[in-house]
């Protein structure tokens, strides 16, 4: 079976070109992106969250699958990276780009319950998972990537991933499935 995406967001090539030009090596893998688009499409009119915009590849995939009435909040600490994403995706009225730490966003968010949360940074994944899950509505989708070793990992990161995966089955209010596919995923649902 060929699991490569057949359709891609129109802005993806330009985003990946900017990622390469700036030396950003942590963009969302294409199979992961295709799954993000599919999951986003399952939440028509929903409120979706991305923690860790990076250069914007994940946001492009999410927007690619979202309905016209859905809304994406994409949070990134690094203003330079966020600016690249905004340059490519900022004209899309469904997207709101927030430049702050994921911790600050988790502490201050007061909007509607989330229908989907894609986490590509430490808070909401390795830290503060209960805080994030409290913002997901029952039936909301939780997805994280980069659970398989990556060339960009710091030396202590494998231990962090191992601890996360070990404790995941006992996480209250979350039914999840780790997947040895793409960059290594966990897909879960808030129960």
N, C-alpha and C. Protein backbone atom coordinates (compact mmCIF):
# COMPACT_ATOMS: atom_id res chain seq x y z
N UNK A 1 0.85 -1.18 0.00
CA UNK A 1 0.00 0.00 0.00
C UNK A 1 0.89 1.24 0.00
N UNK A 2 0.52 2.17 -0.83
CA UNK A 2 1.23 3.45 -0.89
C UNK A 2 0.49 4.42 0.02
N UNK A 3 1.13 4.81 1.14
CA UNK A 3 0.46 5.68 2.10
C UNK A 3 0.91 7.14 1.99
N UNK A 4 1.53 7.50 0.89
CA UNK A 4 1.90 8.90 0.69
C UNK A 4 0.67 9.72 0.34
N UNK A 5 0.60 10.97 0.85
CA UNK A 5 -0.58 11.80 0.56
C UNK A 5 -0.74 12.05 -0.93
N UNK A 6 -1.98 11.98 -1.38
CA UNK A 6 -2.28 12.23 -2.78
C UNK A 6 -2.61 13.70 -3.04
N UNK A 7 -3.12 14.36 -2.02
CA UNK A 7 -3.44 15.78 -2.13
C UNK A 7 -2.72 16.51 -1.00
N UNK A 8 -2.17 17.67 -1.31
CA UNK A 8 -1.41 18.44 -0.32
C UNK A 8 -1.94 19.87 -0.28
N UNK A 9 -1.74 20.54 0.86
CA UNK A 9 -2.15 21.94 0.94
C UNK A 9 -1.39 22.77 -0.11
N UNK A 10 -2.06 23.72 -0.73
CA UNK A 10 -1.41 24.52 -1.78
C UNK A 10 -0.17 25.27 -1.29
N UNK A 11 -0.13 25.65 -0.03
CA UNK A 11 0.99 26.44 0.50
C UNK A 11 2.14 25.58 1.02
N UNK A 12 1.99 24.26 1.02
CA UNK A 12 2.96 23.39 1.69
C UNK A 12 4.36 23.49 1.08
N UNK A 13 4.48 23.46 -0.23
CA UNK A 13 5.81 23.50 -0.84
C UNK A 13 6.55 24.79 -0.47
N UNK A 14 5.86 25.92 -0.49
CA UNK A 14 6.50 27.19 -0.14
C UNK A 14 6.90 27.20 1.34
N UNK A 15 6.05 26.65 2.21
CA UNK A 15 6.38 26.58 3.64
C UNK A 15 7.61 25.71 3.85
N UNK A 16 7.66 24.55 3.21
CA UNK A 16 8.81 23.66 3.36
C UNK A 16 10.06 24.27 2.74
N UNK A 17 9.89 25.05 1.68
CA UNK A 17 11.03 25.77 1.11
C UNK A 17 11.61 26.77 2.10
N UNK A 18 10.73 27.51 2.78
CA UNK A 18 11.20 28.46 3.80
C UNK A 18 11.82 27.73 4.99
N UNK A 19 11.27 26.58 5.33
CA UNK A 19 11.84 25.79 6.43
C UNK A 19 13.27 25.39 6.08
N UNK A 20 13.49 24.91 4.87
CA UNK A 20 14.83 24.51 4.44
C UNK A 20 15.77 25.71 4.40
N UNK A 21 15.28 26.84 3.91
CA UNK A 21 16.11 28.05 3.79
C UNK A 21 16.53 28.58 5.15
N UNK A 22 15.69 28.40 6.16
CA UNK A 22 16.01 28.90 7.49
C UNK A 22 16.65 27.85 8.39
N UNK A 23 16.79 26.63 7.89
CA UNK A 23 17.39 25.57 8.69
C UNK A 23 16.44 24.94 9.69
N UNK A 24 15.14 25.15 9.52
CA UNK A 24 14.14 24.56 10.42
C UNK A 24 13.88 23.13 9.97
N UNK A 25 14.25 22.16 10.83
CA UNK A 25 14.19 20.74 10.44
C UNK A 25 13.11 19.96 11.17
N UNK A 26 12.13 20.64 11.72
CA UNK A 26 11.13 19.94 12.54
C UNK A 26 9.71 20.09 12.00
N UNK A 27 9.59 20.26 10.70
CA UNK A 27 8.25 20.39 10.12
C UNK A 27 7.49 19.06 10.18
N UNK A 28 6.19 19.19 10.20
CA UNK A 28 5.29 18.04 10.22
C UNK A 28 5.55 17.13 9.03
N UNK A 29 5.71 15.85 9.28
CA UNK A 29 5.93 14.84 8.25
C UNK A 29 4.66 14.70 7.41
N UNK A 30 4.80 14.43 6.11
CA UNK A 30 3.64 14.47 5.20
C UNK A 30 2.55 13.45 5.55
N UNK A 31 2.90 12.26 5.97
CA UNK A 31 1.85 11.29 6.33
C UNK A 31 1.11 11.76 7.58
N UNK A 32 1.86 12.33 8.52
CA UNK A 32 1.21 12.91 9.71
C UNK A 32 0.29 14.04 9.28
N UNK A 33 0.76 14.88 8.37
CA UNK A 33 -0.06 15.98 7.89
C UNK A 33 -1.35 15.51 7.23
N UNK A 34 -1.24 14.47 6.43
CA UNK A 34 -2.44 13.93 5.79
C UNK A 34 -3.45 13.44 6.82
N UNK A 35 -2.96 12.79 7.87
CA UNK A 35 -3.85 12.35 8.95
C UNK A 35 -4.46 13.56 9.67
N UNK A 36 -3.66 14.61 9.89
CA UNK A 36 -4.19 15.82 10.52
C UNK A 36 -5.34 16.41 9.68
N UNK A 37 -5.16 16.46 8.37
CA UNK A 37 -6.21 16.99 7.50
C UNK A 37 -7.47 16.15 7.61
N UNK A 38 -7.31 14.83 7.64
CA UNK A 38 -8.45 13.93 7.75
C UNK A 38 -9.17 14.12 9.08
N UNK A 39 -8.41 14.20 10.16
CA UNK A 39 -9.02 14.39 11.48
C UNK A 39 -9.69 15.76 11.59
N UNK A 40 -9.06 16.78 11.01
CA UNK A 40 -9.67 18.12 11.02
C UNK A 40 -11.01 18.11 10.28
N UNK A 41 -11.08 17.36 9.18
CA UNK A 41 -12.32 17.28 8.41
C UNK A 41 -13.44 16.61 9.21
N UNK A 42 -13.07 15.82 10.21
CA UNK A 42 -14.09 15.14 11.03
C UNK A 42 -14.72 16.08 12.06
N UNK A 43 -14.25 17.31 12.14
CA UNK A 43 -14.75 18.27 13.13
C UNK A 43 -15.29 19.52 12.43
N UNK A 44 -16.33 19.37 11.59
CA UNK A 44 -16.85 20.55 10.87
C UNK A 44 -17.36 21.61 11.85
N UNK A 45 -16.94 22.82 11.64
CA UNK A 45 -17.35 23.91 12.53
C UNK A 45 -16.67 23.90 13.87
N UNK A 46 -15.68 23.03 14.07
CA UNK A 46 -15.03 22.88 15.37
C UNK A 46 -13.95 23.90 15.64
N UNK A 47 -13.50 23.91 16.88
CA UNK A 47 -12.37 24.72 17.31
C UNK A 47 -11.18 23.78 17.46
N UNK A 48 -10.14 24.03 16.67
CA UNK A 48 -8.96 23.19 16.64
C UNK A 48 -7.77 23.96 17.19
N UNK A 49 -6.86 23.23 17.82
CA UNK A 49 -5.67 23.84 18.44
C UNK A 49 -4.43 23.15 17.92
N UNK A 50 -3.42 23.95 17.66
CA UNK A 50 -2.08 23.43 17.39
C UNK A 50 -1.14 24.11 18.38
N UNK A 51 -0.49 23.32 19.22
CA UNK A 51 0.54 23.86 20.10
C UNK A 51 1.89 23.55 19.47
N UNK A 52 2.58 24.59 19.03
CA UNK A 52 3.85 24.45 18.34
C UNK A 52 3.68 24.62 16.85
N UNK A 53 3.47 25.85 16.40
CA UNK A 53 3.27 26.15 14.97
C UNK A 53 4.50 25.80 14.15
N UNK A 54 5.69 26.07 14.71
CA UNK A 54 6.89 25.96 13.90
C UNK A 54 6.80 26.93 12.74
N UNK A 55 7.12 26.45 11.54
CA UNK A 55 7.07 27.28 10.33
C UNK A 55 5.68 27.27 9.70
N UNK A 56 4.83 26.31 10.09
CA UNK A 56 3.44 26.32 9.61
C UNK A 56 2.99 25.11 8.81
N UNK A 57 3.82 24.07 8.68
CA UNK A 57 3.41 22.91 7.89
C UNK A 57 2.20 22.21 8.51
N UNK A 58 2.21 21.98 9.82
CA UNK A 58 1.08 21.33 10.49
C UNK A 58 -0.19 22.16 10.35
N UNK A 59 -0.06 23.47 10.52
CA UNK A 59 -1.22 24.36 10.37
C UNK A 59 -1.78 24.29 8.95
N UNK A 60 -0.89 24.22 7.96
CA UNK A 60 -1.35 24.11 6.57
C UNK A 60 -2.18 22.85 6.36
N UNK A 61 -1.71 21.73 6.92
CA UNK A 61 -2.46 20.48 6.79
C UNK A 61 -3.80 20.56 7.52
N UNK A 62 -3.81 21.12 8.73
CA UNK A 62 -5.07 21.25 9.47
C UNK A 62 -6.07 22.11 8.68
N UNK A 63 -5.61 23.26 8.20
CA UNK A 63 -6.48 24.14 7.42
C UNK A 63 -6.97 23.46 6.15
N UNK A 64 -6.13 22.62 5.56
CA UNK A 64 -6.48 21.90 4.34
C UNK A 64 -7.71 21.00 4.55
N UNK A 65 -7.84 20.44 5.75
CA UNK A 65 -8.96 19.55 6.03
C UNK A 65 -10.15 20.22 6.68
N UNK A 66 -9.98 21.41 7.22
CA UNK A 66 -11.03 22.06 7.99
C UNK A 66 -12.18 22.55 7.13
N UNK A 67 -13.37 22.53 7.71
CA UNK A 67 -14.55 23.08 7.03
C UNK A 67 -14.47 24.61 7.07
N UNK A 68 -15.27 25.28 6.23
CA UNK A 68 -15.25 26.75 6.23
C UNK A 68 -15.62 27.37 7.58
N UNK A 69 -16.43 26.67 8.37
CA UNK A 69 -16.87 27.23 9.64
C UNK A 69 -15.96 26.87 10.81
N UNK A 70 -14.95 26.04 10.58
CA UNK A 70 -14.04 25.66 11.67
C UNK A 70 -13.04 26.77 11.94
N UNK A 71 -12.40 26.68 13.10
CA UNK A 71 -11.45 27.71 13.53
C UNK A 71 -10.20 27.02 14.04
N UNK A 72 -9.02 27.53 13.68
CA UNK A 72 -7.75 27.01 14.15
C UNK A 72 -7.03 28.06 14.98
N UNK A 73 -6.59 27.66 16.16
CA UNK A 73 -5.72 28.48 16.99
C UNK A 73 -4.35 27.80 16.96
N UNK A 74 -3.33 28.50 16.49
CA UNK A 74 -1.99 27.93 16.39
C UNK A 74 -1.04 28.77 17.23
N UNK A 75 -0.40 28.10 18.19
CA UNK A 75 0.41 28.78 19.22
C UNK A 75 1.89 28.45 19.01
N UNK A 76 2.72 29.48 19.01
CA UNK A 76 4.17 29.31 18.85
C UNK A 76 4.90 30.35 19.67
N UNK A 77 5.93 29.93 20.37
CA UNK A 77 6.74 30.83 21.19
C UNK A 77 7.68 31.69 20.34
N UNK A 78 8.25 31.13 19.29
CA UNK A 78 9.25 31.81 18.48
C UNK A 78 8.57 32.71 17.45
N UNK A 79 8.70 34.02 17.63
CA UNK A 79 8.01 34.99 16.76
C UNK A 79 8.51 34.93 15.32
N UNK A 80 9.77 34.61 15.12
CA UNK A 80 10.32 34.53 13.76
C UNK A 80 9.69 33.36 13.01
N UNK A 81 9.57 32.23 13.66
CA UNK A 81 8.92 31.08 13.04
C UNK A 81 7.44 31.37 12.78
N UNK A 82 6.78 31.93 13.78
CA UNK A 82 5.36 32.24 13.64
C UNK A 82 5.12 33.20 12.47
N UNK A 83 6.06 34.12 12.25
CA UNK A 83 5.92 35.09 11.15
C UNK A 83 5.93 34.38 9.79
N UNK A 84 6.73 33.33 9.65
CA UNK A 84 6.75 32.58 8.39
C UNK A 84 5.39 31.92 8.17
N UNK A 85 4.87 31.29 9.20
CA UNK A 85 3.54 30.66 9.09
C UNK A 85 2.48 31.70 8.74
N UNK A 86 2.52 32.84 9.39
CA UNK A 86 1.54 33.88 9.11
C UNK A 86 1.66 34.42 7.69
N UNK A 87 2.88 34.51 7.18
CA UNK A 87 3.06 34.99 5.81
C UNK A 87 2.38 34.06 4.81
N UNK A 88 2.44 32.77 5.07
CA UNK A 88 1.85 31.80 4.15
C UNK A 88 0.37 31.54 4.40
N UNK A 89 -0.06 31.62 5.65
CA UNK A 89 -1.40 31.17 6.02
C UNK A 89 -2.27 32.25 6.66
N UNK A 90 -1.69 33.40 6.94
CA UNK A 90 -2.40 34.44 7.69
C UNK A 90 -3.62 35.02 7.01
N UNK A 91 -3.73 34.89 5.69
CA UNK A 91 -4.91 35.41 5.00
C UNK A 91 -6.13 34.53 5.19
N UNK A 92 -5.92 33.32 5.68
CA UNK A 92 -7.04 32.40 5.93
C UNK A 92 -7.77 32.85 7.20
N UNK A 93 -9.00 33.30 7.04
CA UNK A 93 -9.77 33.83 8.16
C UNK A 93 -10.08 32.81 9.24
N UNK A 94 -9.91 31.54 8.94
CA UNK A 94 -10.15 30.50 9.94
C UNK A 94 -9.01 30.36 10.92
N UNK A 95 -7.86 30.94 10.62
CA UNK A 95 -6.64 30.77 11.42
C UNK A 95 -6.38 31.97 12.32
N UNK A 96 -6.03 31.66 13.56
CA UNK A 96 -5.57 32.67 14.51
C UNK A 96 -4.19 32.23 14.98
N UNK A 97 -3.18 33.04 14.73
CA UNK A 97 -1.82 32.73 15.15
C UNK A 97 -1.51 33.51 16.42
N UNK A 98 -1.11 32.78 17.45
CA UNK A 98 -0.83 33.37 18.75
C UNK A 98 0.64 33.16 19.06
N UNK A 99 1.35 34.25 19.32
CA UNK A 99 2.77 34.16 19.64
C UNK A 99 2.92 34.29 21.15
N UNK A 100 3.11 33.15 21.80
CA UNK A 100 3.35 33.09 23.24
C UNK A 100 3.76 31.67 23.57
N UNK A 101 4.13 31.43 24.81
CA UNK A 101 4.46 30.07 25.21
C UNK A 101 3.19 29.24 25.32
N UNK A 102 3.31 27.95 25.08
CA UNK A 102 2.17 27.06 25.24
C UNK A 102 1.70 27.07 26.69
N UNK A 103 2.63 27.20 27.62
CA UNK A 103 2.24 27.29 29.04
C UNK A 103 1.34 28.49 29.28
N UNK A 104 1.74 29.64 28.76
CA UNK A 104 0.93 30.85 28.94
C UNK A 104 -0.45 30.67 28.29
N UNK A 105 -0.47 30.10 27.10
CA UNK A 105 -1.74 29.90 26.43
C UNK A 105 -2.64 28.98 27.25
N UNK A 106 -2.09 27.88 27.76
CA UNK A 106 -2.88 26.96 28.59
C UNK A 106 -3.40 27.64 29.85
N UNK A 107 -2.62 28.57 30.40
CA UNK A 107 -3.02 29.29 31.61
C UNK A 107 -4.12 30.31 31.36
N UNK A 108 -4.22 30.83 30.13
CA UNK A 108 -5.09 31.98 29.90
C UNK A 108 -6.26 31.72 28.94
N UNK A 109 -6.32 30.57 28.30
CA UNK A 109 -7.37 30.32 27.32
C UNK A 109 -8.74 30.27 27.99
N UNK A 110 -9.68 31.01 27.42
CA UNK A 110 -11.04 31.05 27.97
C UNK A 110 -12.10 30.86 26.89
N UNK A 111 -11.69 30.38 25.73
CA UNK A 111 -12.62 30.21 24.62
C UNK A 111 -13.42 28.92 24.73
N UNK A 112 -14.06 28.54 23.63
CA UNK A 112 -14.89 27.33 23.64
C UNK A 112 -14.04 26.07 23.80
N UNK A 113 -14.70 25.00 24.23
CA UNK A 113 -14.01 23.71 24.34
C UNK A 113 -13.44 23.33 22.98
N UNK A 114 -12.32 22.64 23.01
CA UNK A 114 -11.62 22.26 21.78
C UNK A 114 -12.16 20.95 21.23
N UNK A 115 -12.24 20.88 19.91
CA UNK A 115 -12.67 19.66 19.23
C UNK A 115 -11.48 18.79 18.84
N UNK A 116 -10.31 19.41 18.69
CA UNK A 116 -9.10 18.69 18.31
C UNK A 116 -7.91 19.47 18.82
N UNK A 117 -6.92 18.75 19.35
CA UNK A 117 -5.67 19.38 19.77
C UNK A 117 -4.51 18.58 19.19
N UNK A 118 -3.70 19.24 18.37
CA UNK A 118 -2.47 18.67 17.84
C UNK A 118 -1.32 19.32 18.59
N UNK A 119 -0.54 18.50 19.29
CA UNK A 119 0.51 19.02 20.16
C UNK A 119 1.87 18.64 19.58
N UNK A 120 2.66 19.67 19.26
CA UNK A 120 3.99 19.47 18.71
C UNK A 120 5.01 20.28 19.50
N UNK A 121 4.85 20.27 20.82
CA UNK A 121 5.80 20.91 21.73
C UNK A 121 5.67 20.20 23.08
N UNK A 122 6.44 20.57 24.05
CA UNK A 122 6.44 19.84 25.34
C UNK A 122 5.16 20.05 26.15
N UNK A 123 4.71 21.30 26.38
CA UNK A 123 3.46 21.44 27.14
C UNK A 123 2.28 20.86 26.36
N UNK A 124 1.47 20.09 27.03
CA UNK A 124 0.36 19.41 26.39
C UNK A 124 0.71 18.01 25.97
N UNK A 125 1.99 17.69 26.03
CA UNK A 125 2.47 16.35 25.68
C UNK A 125 3.25 15.81 26.87
N UNK A 126 4.46 16.29 27.08
CA UNK A 126 5.31 15.80 28.17
C UNK A 126 5.04 16.52 29.49
N UNK A 127 4.41 17.65 29.41
CA UNK A 127 4.04 18.44 30.58
C UNK A 127 2.60 18.91 30.40
N UNK A 128 1.87 19.01 31.46
CA UNK A 128 0.56 19.64 31.48
C UNK A 128 -0.50 18.95 30.63
N UNK A 129 -0.36 17.67 30.41
CA UNK A 129 -1.37 16.94 29.64
C UNK A 129 -2.75 17.05 30.29
N UNK A 130 -2.89 16.90 31.62
CA UNK A 130 -4.23 17.07 32.22
C UNK A 130 -4.84 18.45 31.95
N UNK A 131 -4.01 19.48 31.94
CA UNK A 131 -4.52 20.84 31.67
C UNK A 131 -5.08 20.93 30.26
N UNK A 132 -4.36 20.35 29.31
CA UNK A 132 -4.85 20.38 27.94
C UNK A 132 -6.12 19.55 27.79
N UNK A 133 -6.12 18.35 28.37
CA UNK A 133 -7.30 17.49 28.25
C UNK A 133 -8.54 18.14 28.85
N UNK A 134 -8.36 18.98 29.86
CA UNK A 134 -9.52 19.66 30.46
C UNK A 134 -10.16 20.65 29.49
N UNK A 135 -9.42 21.06 28.47
CA UNK A 135 -9.94 21.99 27.47
C UNK A 135 -10.61 21.29 26.29
N UNK A 136 -10.36 19.97 26.16
CA UNK A 136 -10.97 19.19 25.08
C UNK A 136 -12.38 18.77 25.47
N UNK A 137 -13.31 18.90 24.55
CA UNK A 137 -14.66 18.41 24.82
C UNK A 137 -14.67 16.89 24.75
N UNK A 138 -15.59 16.22 25.44
CA UNK A 138 -15.70 14.78 25.29
C UNK A 138 -15.86 14.42 23.81
N UNK A 139 -15.08 13.45 23.36
CA UNK A 139 -15.06 13.10 21.95
C UNK A 139 -14.03 13.88 21.17
N UNK A 140 -13.39 14.86 21.81
CA UNK A 140 -12.35 15.63 21.16
C UNK A 140 -11.12 14.78 20.88
N UNK A 141 -10.45 15.09 19.81
CA UNK A 141 -9.28 14.31 19.37
C UNK A 141 -8.00 14.96 19.88
N UNK A 142 -7.12 14.10 20.37
CA UNK A 142 -5.79 14.49 20.85
C UNK A 142 -4.77 13.76 19.98
N UNK A 143 -3.83 14.50 19.39
CA UNK A 143 -2.82 13.87 18.54
C UNK A 143 -1.46 14.51 18.79
N UNK A 144 -0.46 13.64 18.93
CA UNK A 144 0.93 14.09 19.05
C UNK A 144 1.77 13.28 18.07
N UNK A 145 2.87 13.87 17.64
CA UNK A 145 3.78 13.17 16.73
C UNK A 145 5.18 13.13 17.32
N UNK A 146 6.11 12.66 16.53
CA UNK A 146 7.52 12.57 16.91
C UNK A 146 7.76 11.66 18.11
N UNK A 147 7.08 10.52 18.13
CA UNK A 147 7.29 9.54 19.18
C UNK A 147 8.38 8.53 18.82
N UNK A 148 8.79 8.51 17.55
CA UNK A 148 9.92 7.67 17.12
C UNK A 148 11.17 8.55 17.05
N UNK A 149 12.36 7.99 17.27
CA UNK A 149 13.59 8.80 17.31
C UNK A 149 13.74 9.68 16.07
N UNK A 150 14.13 10.92 16.34
CA UNK A 150 14.33 11.93 15.30
C UNK A 150 15.76 12.47 15.40
N UNK A 151 16.33 12.84 14.27
CA UNK A 151 17.68 13.39 14.24
C UNK A 151 17.78 14.70 15.02
N UNK A 152 16.67 15.39 15.19
CA UNK A 152 16.66 16.69 15.88
C UNK A 152 16.53 16.57 17.40
N UNK A 153 16.39 15.36 17.92
CA UNK A 153 16.21 15.20 19.38
C UNK A 153 17.47 15.52 20.16
N UNK A 154 17.31 16.22 21.30
CA UNK A 154 18.45 16.36 22.22
C UNK A 154 18.72 15.02 22.90
N UNK A 155 19.90 14.83 23.48
CA UNK A 155 20.28 13.53 24.06
C UNK A 155 19.32 12.98 25.11
N UNK A 156 18.68 13.83 25.89
CA UNK A 156 17.81 13.35 26.97
C UNK A 156 16.35 13.12 26.54
N UNK A 157 16.07 13.31 25.27
CA UNK A 157 14.67 13.30 24.84
C UNK A 157 14.03 11.90 24.80
N UNK A 158 14.82 10.86 24.50
CA UNK A 158 14.26 9.52 24.46
C UNK A 158 13.64 9.14 25.80
N UNK A 159 14.28 9.52 26.90
CA UNK A 159 13.72 9.24 28.23
C UNK A 159 12.38 9.93 28.41
N UNK A 160 12.27 11.15 27.93
CA UNK A 160 11.01 11.91 28.04
C UNK A 160 9.89 11.19 27.27
N UNK A 161 10.21 10.74 26.07
CA UNK A 161 9.23 10.02 25.25
C UNK A 161 8.84 8.71 25.92
N UNK A 162 9.83 7.97 26.42
CA UNK A 162 9.55 6.69 27.08
C UNK A 162 8.63 6.87 28.28
N UNK A 163 8.89 7.89 29.09
CA UNK A 163 8.04 8.17 30.26
C UNK A 163 6.61 8.51 29.83
N UNK A 164 6.50 9.35 28.81
CA UNK A 164 5.18 9.74 28.29
C UNK A 164 4.39 8.51 27.86
N UNK A 165 5.02 7.65 27.07
CA UNK A 165 4.33 6.46 26.55
C UNK A 165 4.01 5.46 27.65
N UNK A 166 4.86 5.37 28.67
CA UNK A 166 4.62 4.47 29.80
C UNK A 166 3.40 4.91 30.61
N UNK A 167 3.27 6.21 30.82
CA UNK A 167 2.17 6.73 31.67
C UNK A 167 0.88 7.00 30.89
N UNK A 168 0.95 6.99 29.58
CA UNK A 168 -0.21 7.32 28.75
C UNK A 168 -1.44 6.45 29.04
N UNK A 169 -1.30 5.11 29.18
CA UNK A 169 -2.49 4.29 29.42
C UNK A 169 -3.24 4.62 30.71
N UNK A 170 -2.55 5.20 31.68
CA UNK A 170 -3.21 5.52 32.95
C UNK A 170 -3.70 6.97 33.01
N UNK A 171 -3.63 7.69 31.89
CA UNK A 171 -4.08 9.08 31.87
C UNK A 171 -5.61 9.11 31.97
N UNK A 172 -6.14 9.77 33.01
CA UNK A 172 -7.61 9.86 33.13
C UNK A 172 -8.22 10.61 31.94
N UNK A 173 -9.40 10.20 31.56
CA UNK A 173 -10.19 10.88 30.52
C UNK A 173 -9.58 10.81 29.13
N UNK A 174 -8.70 9.84 28.88
CA UNK A 174 -8.10 9.74 27.55
C UNK A 174 -8.01 8.28 27.14
N UNK A 175 -8.57 7.97 26.00
CA UNK A 175 -8.41 6.67 25.37
C UNK A 175 -7.49 6.91 24.18
N UNK A 176 -6.33 6.23 24.14
CA UNK A 176 -5.34 6.57 23.12
C UNK A 176 -4.72 5.32 22.50
N UNK A 177 -4.18 5.53 21.30
CA UNK A 177 -3.51 4.48 20.55
C UNK A 177 -2.17 4.99 20.06
N UNK A 178 -1.06 4.45 20.60
CA UNK A 178 0.26 4.77 20.02
C UNK A 178 0.41 4.05 18.68
N UNK A 179 1.03 4.71 17.73
CA UNK A 179 1.17 4.15 16.39
C UNK A 179 2.62 4.27 15.93
N UNK A 180 3.20 3.16 15.53
CA UNK A 180 4.56 3.14 14.98
C UNK A 180 4.44 3.39 13.47
N UNK A 181 4.11 4.62 13.13
CA UNK A 181 3.85 5.00 11.75
C UNK A 181 4.23 6.47 11.60
N UNK A 182 4.64 6.85 10.41
CA UNK A 182 5.09 8.21 10.14
C UNK A 182 6.22 8.54 11.13
N UNK A 183 6.11 9.63 11.87
CA UNK A 183 7.15 9.99 12.83
C UNK A 183 6.90 9.38 14.21
N UNK A 184 5.89 8.51 14.29
CA UNK A 184 5.48 7.95 15.59
C UNK A 184 4.40 8.83 16.17
N UNK A 185 3.19 8.31 16.23
CA UNK A 185 2.04 9.12 16.64
C UNK A 185 1.34 8.54 17.83
N UNK A 186 0.61 9.37 18.53
CA UNK A 186 -0.40 8.95 19.49
C UNK A 186 -1.67 9.67 19.09
N UNK A 187 -2.72 8.91 18.85
CA UNK A 187 -4.03 9.48 18.56
C UNK A 187 -4.95 9.07 19.70
N UNK A 188 -5.61 10.03 20.30
CA UNK A 188 -6.48 9.75 21.41
C UNK A 188 -7.78 10.51 21.32
N UNK A 189 -8.70 10.11 22.19
CA UNK A 189 -9.99 10.78 22.30
C UNK A 189 -10.28 11.07 23.76
N UNK A 190 -10.73 12.28 24.03
CA UNK A 190 -11.13 12.66 25.39
C UNK A 190 -12.42 11.94 25.71
N UNK A 191 -12.43 11.21 26.81
CA UNK A 191 -13.65 10.48 27.23
C UNK A 191 -14.20 11.06 28.51
